[in-house]
Amino acid sequence: LHSLQATLGCELQGDSTRGSWRLGYNGQDQDFLTFYSQTLTWTLATPSAQRIKKLWETQDPRADLVETFLHVTCPAQLWRYLASWRGLQENTDPPSVTVTRSKNLLG
């Protein structure tokens, strides 16, 4: 049994964004294969990733679709999250607590 873990992420830095797609294999600490959206290239962490790198460079996933996700979709979702988070932080009302007590009907 083998496992493949994927992490897609983007960073907002002023008006620019950066994104990456990291793949892990069998729970190893290091990334097996990483896609950098700035250069549209895959970087190998181990020689065993070479076969997958060649396959993905010539077939799926298409680098332009991954790049669109990392530079358009992901930043847009992150901006929406940040906007809603800021809205939550603007609420300065202290939390209120209500305690009720009722007598047990059995005693």
PDB file of N, CA and C in Angstrom:
ATOM      1  N   LEU A   1       0.849  -1.177   0.000  1.00  0.00           N
ATOM      2  CA  LEU A   1       0.000   0.000   0.000  1.00  0.00           C
ATOM      3  C   LEU A   1       0.891   1.236   0.000  1.00  0.00           C
ATOM      4  N   HIS A   2       0.599   2.178  -0.893  1.00  0.00           N
ATOM      5  CA  HIS A   2       1.355   3.420  -0.994  1.00  0.00           C
ATOM      6  C   HIS A   2       0.396   4.593  -0.873  1.00  0.00           C
ATOM      7  N   SER A   3       0.923   5.748  -0.477  1.00  0.00           N
ATOM      8  CA  SER A   3       0.080   6.942  -0.386  1.00  0.00           C
ATOM      9  C   SER A   3       0.776   8.124  -1.047  1.00  0.00           C
ATOM     10  N   LEU A   4      -0.036   9.017  -1.592  1.00  0.00           N
ATOM     11  CA  LEU A   4       0.441  10.246  -2.207  1.00  0.00           C
ATOM     12  C   LEU A   4      -0.322  11.393  -1.558  1.00  0.00           C
ATOM     13  N   GLN A   5       0.408  12.337  -0.963  1.00  0.00           N
ATOM     14  CA  GLN A   5      -0.219  13.477  -0.305  1.00  0.00           C
ATOM     15  C   GLN A   5       0.073  14.726  -1.136  1.00  0.00           C
ATOM     16  N   ALA A   6      -0.942  15.568  -1.322  1.00  0.00           N
ATOM     17  CA  ALA A   6      -0.781  16.791  -2.106  1.00  0.00           C
ATOM     18  C   ALA A   6      -1.181  18.000  -1.275  1.00  0.00           C
ATOM     19  N   THR A   7      -0.395  19.069  -1.385  1.00  0.00           N
ATOM     20  CA  THR A   7      -0.691  20.332  -0.737  1.00  0.00           C
ATOM     21  C   THR A   7      -0.571  21.438  -1.772  1.00  0.00           C
ATOM     22  N   LEU A   8      -1.662  22.131  -2.015  1.00  0.00           N
ATOM     23  CA  LEU A   8      -1.656  23.289  -2.903  1.00  0.00           C
ATOM     24  C   LEU A   8      -1.752  24.519  -2.027  1.00  0.00           C
ATOM     25  N   GLY A   9      -0.968  25.537  -2.332  1.00  0.00           N
ATOM     26  CA  GLY A   9      -1.013  26.738  -1.518  1.00  0.00           C
ATOM     27  C   GLY A   9      -0.607  27.972  -2.283  1.00  0.00           C
ATOM     28  N   CYS A  10      -1.058  29.113  -1.770  1.00  0.00           N
ATOM     29  CA  CYS A  10      -0.672  30.381  -2.374  1.00  0.00           C
ATOM     30  C   CYS A  10      -0.351  31.368  -1.262  1.00  0.00           C
ATOM     31  N   GLU A  11       0.486  32.336  -1.602  1.00  0.00           N
ATOM     32  CA  GLU A  11       0.874  33.389  -0.674  1.00  0.00           C
ATOM     33  C   GLU A  11       0.565  34.725  -1.320  1.00  0.00           C
ATOM     34  N   LEU A  12       0.051  35.647  -0.525  1.00  0.00           N
ATOM     35  CA  LEU A  12      -0.202  37.005  -0.991  1.00  0.00           C
ATOM     36  C   LEU A  12       0.913  37.888  -0.468  1.00  0.00           C
ATOM     37  N   GLN A  13       1.546  38.626  -1.375  1.00  0.00           N
ATOM     38  CA  GLN A  13       2.618  39.540  -0.985  1.00  0.00           C
ATOM     39  C   GLN A  13       2.385  40.859  -1.704  1.00  0.00           C
ATOM     40  N   GLY A  14       1.686  41.775  -1.044  1.00  0.00           N
ATOM     41  CA  GLY A  14       1.328  43.032  -1.689  1.00  0.00           C
ATOM     42  C   GLY A  14       0.381  42.762  -2.838  1.00  0.00           C
ATOM     43  N   ASP A  15       0.780  43.179  -4.035  1.00  0.00           N
ATOM     44  CA  ASP A  15      -0.048  42.959  -5.221  1.00  0.00           C
ATOM     45  C   ASP A  15       0.317  41.685  -5.965  1.00  0.00           C
ATOM     46  N   SER A  16       1.284  40.943  -5.475  1.00  0.00           N
ATOM     47  CA  SER A  16       1.707  39.729  -6.185  1.00  0.00           C
ATOM     48  C   SER A  16       1.343  38.486  -5.376  1.00  0.00           C
ATOM     49  N   THR A  17       1.357  37.365  -6.062  1.00  0.00           N
ATOM     50  CA  THR A  17       1.074  36.088  -5.411  1.00  0.00           C
ATOM     51  C   THR A  17       2.146  35.086  -5.786  1.00  0.00           C
ATOM     52  N   ARG A  18       2.280  34.103  -4.944  1.00  0.00           N
ATOM     53  CA  ARG A  18       3.186  32.986  -5.191  1.00  0.00           C
ATOM     54  C   ARG A  18       2.436  31.725  -4.859  1.00  0.00           C
ATOM     55  N   GLY A  19       2.643  30.681  -5.642  1.00  0.00           N
ATOM     56  CA  GLY A  19       1.945  29.441  -5.357  1.00  0.00           C
ATOM     57  C   GLY A  19       2.826  28.234  -5.577  1.00  0.00           C
ATOM     58  N   SER A  20       2.464  27.150  -4.924  1.00  0.00           N
ATOM     59  CA  SER A  20       3.204  25.901  -5.125  1.00  0.00           C
ATOM     60  C   SER A  20       2.268  24.721  -4.897  1.00  0.00           C
ATOM     61  N   TRP A  21       2.657  23.613  -5.465  1.00  0.00           N
ATOM     62  CA  TRP A  21       1.939  22.350  -5.321  1.00  0.00           C
ATOM     63  C   TRP A  21       2.981  21.340  -4.893  1.00  0.00           C
ATOM     64  N   ARG A  22       2.866  20.863  -3.670  1.00  0.00           N
ATOM     65  CA  ARG A  22       3.854  19.928  -3.121  1.00  0.00           C
ATOM     66  C   ARG A  22       3.231  18.546  -3.008  1.00  0.00           C
ATOM     67  N   LEU A  23       4.002  17.558  -3.413  1.00  0.00           N
ATOM     68  CA  LEU A  23       3.549  16.173  -3.341  1.00  0.00           C
ATOM     69  C   LEU A  23       4.474  15.391  -2.422  1.00  0.00           C
ATOM     70  N   GLY A  24       3.885  14.636  -1.527  1.00  0.00           N
ATOM     71  CA  GLY A  24       4.635  13.752  -0.649  1.00  0.00           C
ATOM     72  C   GLY A  24       4.301  12.310  -0.979  1.00  0.00           C
ATOM     73  N   TYR A  25       5.197  11.421  -0.652  1.00  0.00           N
ATOM     74  CA  TYR A  25       5.007  10.012  -0.983  1.00  0.00           C
ATOM     75  C   TYR A  25       5.266   9.163   0.245  1.00  0.00           C
ATOM     76  N   ASN A  26       4.319   8.324   0.595  1.00  0.00           N
ATOM     77  CA  ASN A  26       4.427   7.379   1.711  1.00  0.00           C
ATOM     78  C   ASN A  26       4.809   8.038   3.036  1.00  0.00           C
ATOM     79  N   GLY A  27       4.302   9.239   3.270  1.00  0.00           N
ATOM     80  CA  GLY A  27       4.513   9.901   4.549  1.00  0.00           C
ATOM     81  C   GLY A  27       5.921  10.387   4.814  1.00  0.00           C
ATOM     82  N   GLN A  28       6.754  10.487   3.792  1.00  0.00           N
ATOM     83  CA  GLN A  28       8.120  10.971   3.983  1.00  0.00           C
ATOM     84  C   GLN A  28       8.094  12.440   4.389  1.00  0.00           C
ATOM     85  N   ASP A  29       9.089  12.862   5.155  1.00  0.00           N
ATOM     86  CA  ASP A  29       9.150  14.238   5.636  1.00  0.00           C
ATOM     87  C   ASP A  29       9.394  15.244   4.515  1.00  0.00           C
ATOM     88  N   GLN A  30      10.164  14.868   3.535  1.00  0.00           N
ATOM     89  CA  GLN A  30      10.471  15.810   2.457  1.00  0.00           C
ATOM     90  C   GLN A  30       9.452  15.702   1.333  1.00  0.00           C
ATOM     91  N   ASP A  31       9.333  16.791   0.562  1.00  0.00           N
ATOM     92  CA  ASP A  31       8.444  16.767  -0.594  1.00  0.00           C
ATOM     93  C   ASP A  31       9.035  15.841  -1.646  1.00  0.00           C
ATOM     94  N   PHE A  32       8.191  15.047  -2.239  1.00  0.00           N
ATOM     95  CA  PHE A  32       8.583  14.113  -3.286  1.00  0.00           C
ATOM     96  C   PHE A  32       8.803  14.875  -4.594  1.00  0.00           C
ATOM     97  N   LEU A  33       7.879  15.789  -4.868  1.00  0.00           N
ATOM     98  CA  LEU A  33       7.883  16.542  -6.112  1.00  0.00           C
ATOM     99  C   LEU A  33       7.177  17.867  -5.832  1.00  0.00           C
ATOM    100  N   THR A  34       7.729  18.985  -6.319  1.00  0.00           N
ATOM    101  CA  THR A  34       7.133  20.298  -6.078  1.00  0.00           C
ATOM    102  C   THR A  34       6.989  21.049  -7.394  1.00  0.00           C
ATOM    103  N   PHE A  35       5.812  21.650  -7.599  1.00  0.00           N
ATOM    104  CA  PHE A  35       5.555  22.478  -8.780  1.00  0.00           C
ATOM    105  C   PHE A  35       5.613  23.936  -8.358  1.00  0.00           C
ATOM    106  N   TYR A  36       6.437  24.725  -9.051  1.00  0.00           N
ATOM    107  CA  TYR A  36       6.549  26.154  -8.772  1.00  0.00           C
ATOM    108  C   TYR A  36       5.842  26.937  -9.870  1.00  0.00           C
ATOM    109  N   SER A  37       4.832  27.695  -9.473  1.00  0.00           N
ATOM    110  CA  SER A  37       4.003  28.388 -10.459  1.00  0.00           C
ATOM    111  C   SER A  37       4.723  29.557 -11.124  1.00  0.00           C
ATOM    112  N   GLN A  38       5.741  30.120 -10.480  1.00  0.00           N
ATOM    113  CA  GLN A  38       6.455  31.241 -11.082  1.00  0.00           C
ATOM    114  C   GLN A  38       7.199  30.807 -12.342  1.00  0.00           C
ATOM    115  N   THR A  39       7.734  29.602 -12.313  1.00  0.00           N
ATOM    116  CA  THR A  39       8.540  29.106 -13.431  1.00  0.00           C
ATOM    117  C   THR A  39       7.847  27.996 -14.208  1.00  0.00           C
ATOM    118  N   LEU A  40       6.682  27.540 -13.726  1.00  0.00           N
ATOM    119  CA  LEU A  40       5.941  26.418 -14.331  1.00  0.00           C
ATOM    120  C   LEU A  40       6.825  25.184 -14.465  1.00  0.00           C
ATOM    121  N   THR A  41       7.598  24.908 -13.420  1.00  0.00           N
ATOM    122  CA  THR A  41       8.506  23.758 -13.441  1.00  0.00           C
ATOM    123  C   THR A  41       8.283  22.877 -12.221  1.00  0.00           C
ATOM    124  N   TRP A  42       8.644  21.612 -12.385  1.00  0.00           N
ATOM    125  CA  TRP A  42       8.611  20.633 -11.298  1.00  0.00           C
ATOM    126  C   TRP A  42      10.026  20.467 -10.769  1.00  0.00           C
ATOM    127  N   THR A  43      10.170  20.366  -9.458  1.00  0.00           N
ATOM    128  CA  THR A  43      11.464  20.129  -8.835  1.00  0.00           C
ATOM    129  C   THR A  43      11.413  18.795  -8.110  1.00  0.00           C
ATOM    130  N   LEU A  44      12.433  17.984  -8.344  1.00  0.00           N
ATOM    131  CA  LEU A  44      12.502  16.653  -7.729  1.00  0.00           C
ATOM    132  C   LEU A  44      13.185  16.725  -6.374  1.00  0.00           C
ATOM    133  N   ALA A  45      12.667  15.987  -5.434  1.00  0.00           N
ATOM    134  CA  ALA A  45      13.337  15.846  -4.148  1.00  0.00           C
ATOM    135  C   ALA A  45      14.123  14.540  -4.112  1.00  0.00           C
ATOM    136  N   THR A  46      13.680  13.582  -4.897  1.00  0.00           N
ATOM    137  CA  THR A  46      14.348  12.286  -4.948  1.00  0.00           C
ATOM    138  C   THR A  46      14.419  11.823  -6.399  1.00  0.00           C
ATOM    139  N   PRO A  47      15.424  11.042  -6.745  1.00  0.00           N
ATOM    140  CA  PRO A  47      15.522  10.535  -8.115  1.00  0.00           C
ATOM    141  C   PRO A  47      14.316   9.688  -8.523  1.00  0.00           C
ATOM    142  N   SER A  48      13.663   9.062  -7.573  1.00  0.00           N
ATOM    143  CA  SER A  48      12.519   8.211  -7.902  1.00  0.00           C
ATOM    144  C   SER A  48      11.327   9.013  -8.431  1.00  0.00           C
ATOM    145  N   ALA A  49      11.332  10.323  -8.249  1.00  0.00           N
ATOM    146  CA  ALA A  49      10.236  11.164  -8.740  1.00  0.00           C
ATOM    147  C   ALA A  49      10.394  11.514 -10.217  1.00  0.00           C
ATOM    148  N   GLN A  50      11.523  11.172 -10.806  1.00  0.00           N
ATOM    149  CA  GLN A  50      11.805  11.532 -12.198  1.00  0.00           C
ATOM    150  C   GLN A  50      10.743  11.000 -13.160  1.00  0.00           C
ATOM    151  N   ARG A  51      10.312   9.781 -12.969  1.00  0.00           N
ATOM    152  CA  ARG A  51       9.329   9.179 -13.870  1.00  0.00           C
ATOM    153  C   ARG A  51       7.999   9.938 -13.841  1.00  0.00           C
ATOM    154  N   ILE A  52       7.552  10.291 -12.647  1.00  0.00           N
ATOM    155  CA  ILE A  52       6.303  11.039 -12.516  1.00  0.00           C
ATOM    156  C   ILE A  52       6.469  12.442 -13.091  1.00  0.00           C
ATOM    157  N   LYS A  53       7.613  13.064 -12.850  1.00  0.00           N
ATOM    158  CA  LYS A  53       7.875  14.402 -13.386  1.00  0.00           C
ATOM    159  C   LYS A  53       7.764  14.398 -14.906  1.00  0.00           C
ATOM    160  N   LYS A  54       8.385  13.443 -15.567  1.00  0.00           N
ATOM    161  CA  LYS A  54       8.331  13.361 -17.030  1.00  0.00           C
ATOM    162  C   LYS A  54       6.903  13.132 -17.511  1.00  0.00           C
ATOM    163  N   LEU A  55       6.175  12.268 -16.830  1.00  0.00           N
ATOM    164  CA  LEU A  55       4.788  11.993 -17.197  1.00  0.00           C
ATOM    165  C   LEU A  55       3.941  13.258 -17.089  1.00  0.00           C
ATOM    166  N   TRP A  56       4.071  13.981 -15.988  1.00  0.00           N
ATOM    167  CA  TRP A  56       3.244  15.160 -15.770  1.00  0.00           C
ATOM    168  C   TRP A  56       3.664  16.337 -16.643  1.00  0.00           C
ATOM    169  N   GLU A  57       4.911  16.394 -17.056  1.00  0.00           N
ATOM    170  CA  GLU A  57       5.336  17.466 -17.954  1.00  0.00           C
ATOM    171  C   GLU A  57       4.775  17.268 -19.358  1.00  0.00           C
ATOM    172  N   THR A  58       4.491  16.036 -19.732  1.00  0.00           N
ATOM    173  CA  THR A  58       3.997  15.762 -21.079  1.00  0.00           C
ATOM    174  C   THR A  58       2.502  15.477 -21.125  1.00  0.00           C
ATOM    175  N   GLN A  59       1.912  15.117 -20.003  1.00  0.00           N
ATOM    176  CA  GLN A  59       0.486  14.783 -19.986  1.00  0.00           C
ATOM    177  C   GLN A  59      -0.222  15.628 -18.939  1.00  0.00           C
ATOM    178  N   ASP A  60      -0.958  14.987 -18.050  1.00  0.00           N
ATOM    179  CA  ASP A  60      -1.687  15.706 -17.011  1.00  0.00           C
ATOM    180  C   ASP A  60      -0.860  15.766 -15.753  1.00  0.00           C
ATOM    181  N   PRO A  61      -1.087  16.686 -14.866  1.00  0.00           N
ATOM    182  CA  PRO A  61      -1.980  17.825 -15.003  1.00  0.00           C
ATOM    183  C   PRO A  61      -1.344  18.928 -15.846  1.00  0.00           C
ATOM    184  N   ARG A  62      -2.151  19.663 -16.565  1.00  0.00           N
ATOM    185  CA  ARG A  62      -1.629  20.725 -17.411  1.00  0.00           C
ATOM    186  C   ARG A  62      -1.109  21.862 -16.547  1.00  0.00           C
ATOM    187  N   ALA A  63       0.111  22.269 -16.818  1.00  0.00           N
ATOM    188  CA  ALA A  63       0.758  23.314 -16.025  1.00  0.00           C
ATOM    189  C   ALA A  63      -0.037  24.614 -16.050  1.00  0.00           C
ATOM    190  N   ASP A  64      -0.665  24.944 -17.183  1.00  0.00           N
ATOM    191  CA  ASP A  64      -1.407  26.202 -17.251  1.00  0.00           C
ATOM    192  C   ASP A  64      -2.640  26.183 -16.349  1.00  0.00           C
ATOM    193  N   LEU A  65      -3.273  25.019 -16.193  1.00  0.00           N
ATOM    194  CA  LEU A  65      -4.430  24.925 -15.299  1.00  0.00           C
ATOM    195  C   LEU A  65      -4.003  25.024 -13.836  1.00  0.00           C
ATOM    196  N   VAL A  66      -2.892  24.386 -13.503  1.00  0.00           N
ATOM    197  CA  VAL A  66      -2.369  24.472 -12.138  1.00  0.00           C
ATOM    198  C   VAL A  66      -1.974  25.916 -11.843  1.00  0.00           C
ATOM    199  N   GLU A  67      -1.326  26.563 -12.806  1.00  0.00           N
ATOM    200  CA  GLU A  67      -0.900  27.952 -12.638  1.00  0.00           C
ATOM    201  C   GLU A  67      -2.111  28.863 -12.433  1.00  0.00           C
ATOM    202  N   THR A  68      -3.186  28.644 -13.186  1.00  0.00           N
ATOM    203  CA  THR A  68      -4.410  29.440 -13.021  1.00  0.00           C
ATOM    204  C   THR A  68      -4.988  29.252 -11.624  1.00  0.00           C
ATOM    205  N   PHE A  69      -5.002  28.020 -11.140  1.00  0.00           N
ATOM    206  CA  PHE A  69      -5.502  27.790  -9.782  1.00  0.00           C
ATOM    207  C   PHE A  69      -4.634  28.525  -8.762  1.00  0.00           C
ATOM    208  N   LEU A  70      -3.313  28.404  -8.892  1.00  0.00           N
ATOM    209  CA  LEU A  70      -2.410  28.971  -7.897  1.00  0.00           C
ATOM    210  C   LEU A  70      -2.348  30.496  -7.942  1.00  0.00           C
ATOM    211  N   HIS A  71      -2.599  31.107  -9.107  1.00  0.00           N
ATOM    212  CA  HIS A  71      -2.485  32.565  -9.219  1.00  0.00           C
ATOM    213  C   HIS A  71      -3.820  33.296  -9.308  1.00  0.00           C
ATOM    214  N   VAL A  72      -4.917  32.579  -9.540  1.00  0.00           N
ATOM    215  CA  VAL A  72      -6.220  33.238  -9.658  1.00  0.00           C
ATOM    216  C   VAL A  72      -7.192  32.708  -8.602  1.00  0.00           C
ATOM    217  N   THR A  73      -7.495  31.423  -8.664  1.00  0.00           N
ATOM    218  CA  THR A  73      -8.502  30.838  -7.780  1.00  0.00           C
ATOM    219  C   THR A  73      -8.076  30.884  -6.317  1.00  0.00           C
ATOM    220  N   CYS A  74      -6.897  30.390  -6.020  1.00  0.00           N
ATOM    221  CA  CYS A  74      -6.422  30.333  -4.631  1.00  0.00           C
ATOM    222  C   CYS A  74      -6.312  31.729  -4.008  1.00  0.00           C
ATOM    223  N   PRO A  75      -5.674  32.716  -4.674  1.00  0.00           N
ATOM    224  CA  PRO A  75      -5.618  34.055  -4.072  1.00  0.00           C
ATOM    225  C   PRO A  75      -6.999  34.681  -3.870  1.00  0.00           C
ATOM    226  N   ALA A  76      -7.922  34.459  -4.817  1.00  0.00           N
ATOM    227  CA  ALA A  76      -9.271  35.013  -4.663  1.00  0.00           C
ATOM    228  C   ALA A  76      -9.949  34.427  -3.430  1.00  0.00           C
ATOM    229  N   GLN A  77      -9.805  33.127  -3.226  1.00  0.00           N
ATOM    230  CA  GLN A  77     -10.389  32.493  -2.041  1.00  0.00           C
ATOM    231  C   GLN A  77      -9.712  32.993  -0.767  1.00  0.00           C
ATOM    232  N   LEU A  78      -8.404  33.185  -0.821  1.00  0.00           N
ATOM    233  CA  LEU A  78      -7.675  33.675   0.346  1.00  0.00           C
ATOM    234  C   LEU A  78      -8.100  35.102   0.686  1.00  0.00           C
ATOM    235  N   TRP A  79      -8.275  35.968  -0.330  1.00  0.00           N
ATOM    236  CA  TRP A  79      -8.748  37.334  -0.082  1.00  0.00           C
ATOM    237  C   TRP A  79     -10.136  37.323   0.555  1.00  0.00           C
ATOM    238  N   ARG A  80     -11.031  36.445   0.070  1.00  0.00           N
ATOM    239  CA  ARG A  80     -12.374  36.350   0.660  1.00  0.00           C
ATOM    240  C   ARG A  80     -12.293  35.907   2.120  1.00  0.00           C
ATOM    241  N   TYR A  81     -11.431  34.940   2.397  1.00  0.00           N
ATOM    242  CA  TYR A  81     -11.263  34.471   3.772  1.00  0.00           C
ATOM    243  C   TYR A  81     -10.747  35.605   4.658  1.00  0.00           C
ATOM    244  N   LEU A  82      -9.733  36.319   4.180  1.00  0.00           N
ATOM    245  CA  LEU A  82      -9.163  37.411   4.972  1.00  0.00           C
ATOM    246  C   LEU A  82     -10.191  38.511   5.225  1.00  0.00           C
ATOM    247  N   ALA A  83     -11.011  38.821   4.216  1.00  0.00           N
ATOM    248  CA  ALA A  83     -12.045  39.847   4.385  1.00  0.00           C
ATOM    249  C   ALA A  83     -13.059  39.420   5.441  1.00  0.00           C
ATOM    250  N   SER A  84     -13.478  38.171   5.414  1.00  0.00           N
ATOM    251  CA  SER A  84     -14.449  37.713   6.412  1.00  0.00           C
ATOM    252  C   SER A  84     -13.809  37.646   7.796  1.00  0.00           C
ATOM    253  N   TRP A  85     -12.542  37.302   7.876  1.00  0.00           N
ATOM    254  CA  TRP A  85     -11.841  37.252   9.157  1.00  0.00           C
ATOM    255  C   TRP A  85     -11.737  38.653   9.753  1.00  0.00           C
ATOM    256  N   ARG A  86     -11.404  39.629   8.910  1.00  0.00           N
ATOM    257  CA  ARG A  86     -11.330  41.013   9.395  1.00  0.00           C
ATOM    258  C   ARG A  86     -12.687  41.478   9.900  1.00  0.00           C
ATOM    259  N   GLY A  87     -13.757  41.076   9.219  1.00  0.00           N
ATOM    260  CA  GLY A  87     -15.101  41.424   9.662  1.00  0.00           C
ATOM    261  C   GLY A  87     -15.407  40.850  11.032  1.00  0.00           C
ATOM    262  N   LEU A  88     -14.943  39.642  11.293  1.00  0.00           N
ATOM    263  CA  LEU A  88     -15.150  39.029  12.606  1.00  0.00           C
ATOM    264  C   LEU A  88     -14.358  39.756  13.676  1.00  0.00           C
ATOM    265  N   GLN A  89     -13.161  40.212  13.335  1.00  0.00           N
ATOM    266  CA  GLN A  89     -12.315  40.895  14.309  1.00  0.00           C
ATOM    267  C   GLN A  89     -12.846  42.280  14.658  1.00  0.00           C
ATOM    268  N   GLU A  90     -13.628  42.893  13.759  1.00  0.00           N
ATOM    269  CA  GLU A  90     -14.170  44.220  14.020  1.00  0.00           C
ATOM    270  C   GLU A  90     -15.261  44.197  15.083  1.00  0.00           C
ATOM    271  N   ASN A  91     -15.845  43.058  15.344  1.00  0.00           N
ATOM    272  CA  ASN A  91     -16.871  42.942  16.370  1.00  0.00           C
ATOM    273  C   ASN A  91     -16.188  43.013  17.730  1.00  0.00           C
ATOM    274  N   THR A  92     -16.343  44.166  18.419  1.00  0.00           N
ATOM    275  CA  THR A  92     -15.648  44.364  19.693  1.00  0.00           C
ATOM    276  C   THR A  92     -16.557  44.167  20.898  1.00  0.00           C
ATOM    277  N   ASP A  93     -17.792  43.766  20.671  1.00  0.00           N
ATOM    278  CA  ASP A  93     -18.692  43.519  21.796  1.00  0.00           C
ATOM    279  C   ASP A  93     -18.155  42.360  22.621  1.00  0.00           C
ATOM    280  N   PRO A  94     -18.149  42.523  23.947  1.00  0.00           N
ATOM    281  CA  PRO A  94     -17.683  41.402  24.768  1.00  0.00           C
ATOM    282  C   PRO A  94     -18.665  40.240  24.674  1.00  0.00           C
ATOM    283  N   PRO A  95     -18.177  39.036  24.813  1.00  0.00           N
ATOM    284  CA  PRO A  95     -19.080  37.887  24.760  1.00  0.00           C
ATOM    285  C   PRO A  95     -20.059  37.932  25.932  1.00  0.00           C
ATOM    286  N   SER A  96     -21.253  37.456  25.700  1.00  0.00           N
ATOM    287  CA  SER A  96     -22.239  37.414  26.781  1.00  0.00           C
ATOM    288  C   SER A  96     -22.570  35.958  27.084  1.00  0.00           C
ATOM    289  N   VAL A  97     -22.821  35.706  28.348  1.00  0.00           N
ATOM    290  CA  VAL A  97     -23.117  34.356  28.798  1.00  0.00           C
ATOM    291  C   VAL A  97     -24.431  34.387  29.571  1.00  0.00           C
ATOM    292  N   THR A  98     -25.274  33.419  29.317  1.00  0.00           N
ATOM    293  CA  THR A  98     -26.529  33.290  30.050  1.00  0.00           C
ATOM    294  C   THR A  98     -26.534  31.937  30.737  1.00  0.00           C
ATOM    295  N   VAL A  99     -26.816  31.952  32.030  1.00  0.00           N
ATOM    296  CA  VAL A  99     -26.869  30.713  32.799  1.00  0.00           C
ATOM    297  C   VAL A  99     -28.299  30.537  33.295  1.00  0.00           C
ATOM    298  N   THR A 100     -28.835  29.372  33.074  1.00  0.00           N
ATOM    299  CA  THR A 100     -30.179  29.074  33.580  1.00  0.00           C
ATOM    300  C   THR A 100     -30.095  27.874  34.503  1.00  0.00           C
ATOM    301  N   ARG A 101     -31.011  27.843  35.429  1.00  0.00           N
ATOM    302  CA  ARG A 101     -31.040  26.732  36.373  1.00  0.00           C
ATOM    303  C   ARG A 101     -32.483  26.319  36.535  1.00  0.00           C
ATOM    304  N   SER A 102     -32.682  25.033  36.533  1.00  0.00           N
ATOM    305  CA  SER A 102     -34.039  24.543  36.775  1.00  0.00           C
ATOM    306  C   SER A 102     -33.977  23.431  37.810  1.00  0.00           C
ATOM    307  N   LYS A 103     -35.042  23.325  38.560  1.00  0.00           N
ATOM    308  CA  LYS A 103     -35.102  22.314  39.598  1.00  0.00           C
ATOM    309  C   LYS A 103     -35.422  20.973  38.956  1.00  0.00           C
ATOM    310  N   ASN A 104     -34.733  19.953  39.394  1.00  0.00           N
ATOM    311  CA  ASN A 104     -34.966  18.606  38.893  1.00  0.00           C
ATOM    312  C   ASN A 104     -36.353  18.154  39.326  1.00  0.00           C
ATOM    313  N   LEU A 105     -37.146  17.688  38.398  1.00  0.00           N
ATOM    314  CA  LEU A 105     -38.511  17.267  38.710  1.00  0.00           C
ATOM    315  C   LEU A 105     -38.555  16.040  39.615  1.00  0.00           C
ATOM    316  N   LEU A 106     -37.479  15.280  39.647  1.00  0.00           N
ATOM    317  CA  LEU A 106     -37.462  14.062  40.466  1.00  0.00           C
ATOM    318  C   LEU A 106     -36.941  14.324  41.874  1.00  0.00           C
ATOM    319  N   GLY A 107     -36.546  15.488  42.185  1.00  0.00           N
ATOM    320  CA  GLY A 107     -36.092  15.674  43.539  1.00  0.00           C
ATOM    321  C   GLY A 107     -35.304  16.864  43.702  1.00  0.00           C
TER     322      GLY A 107
END
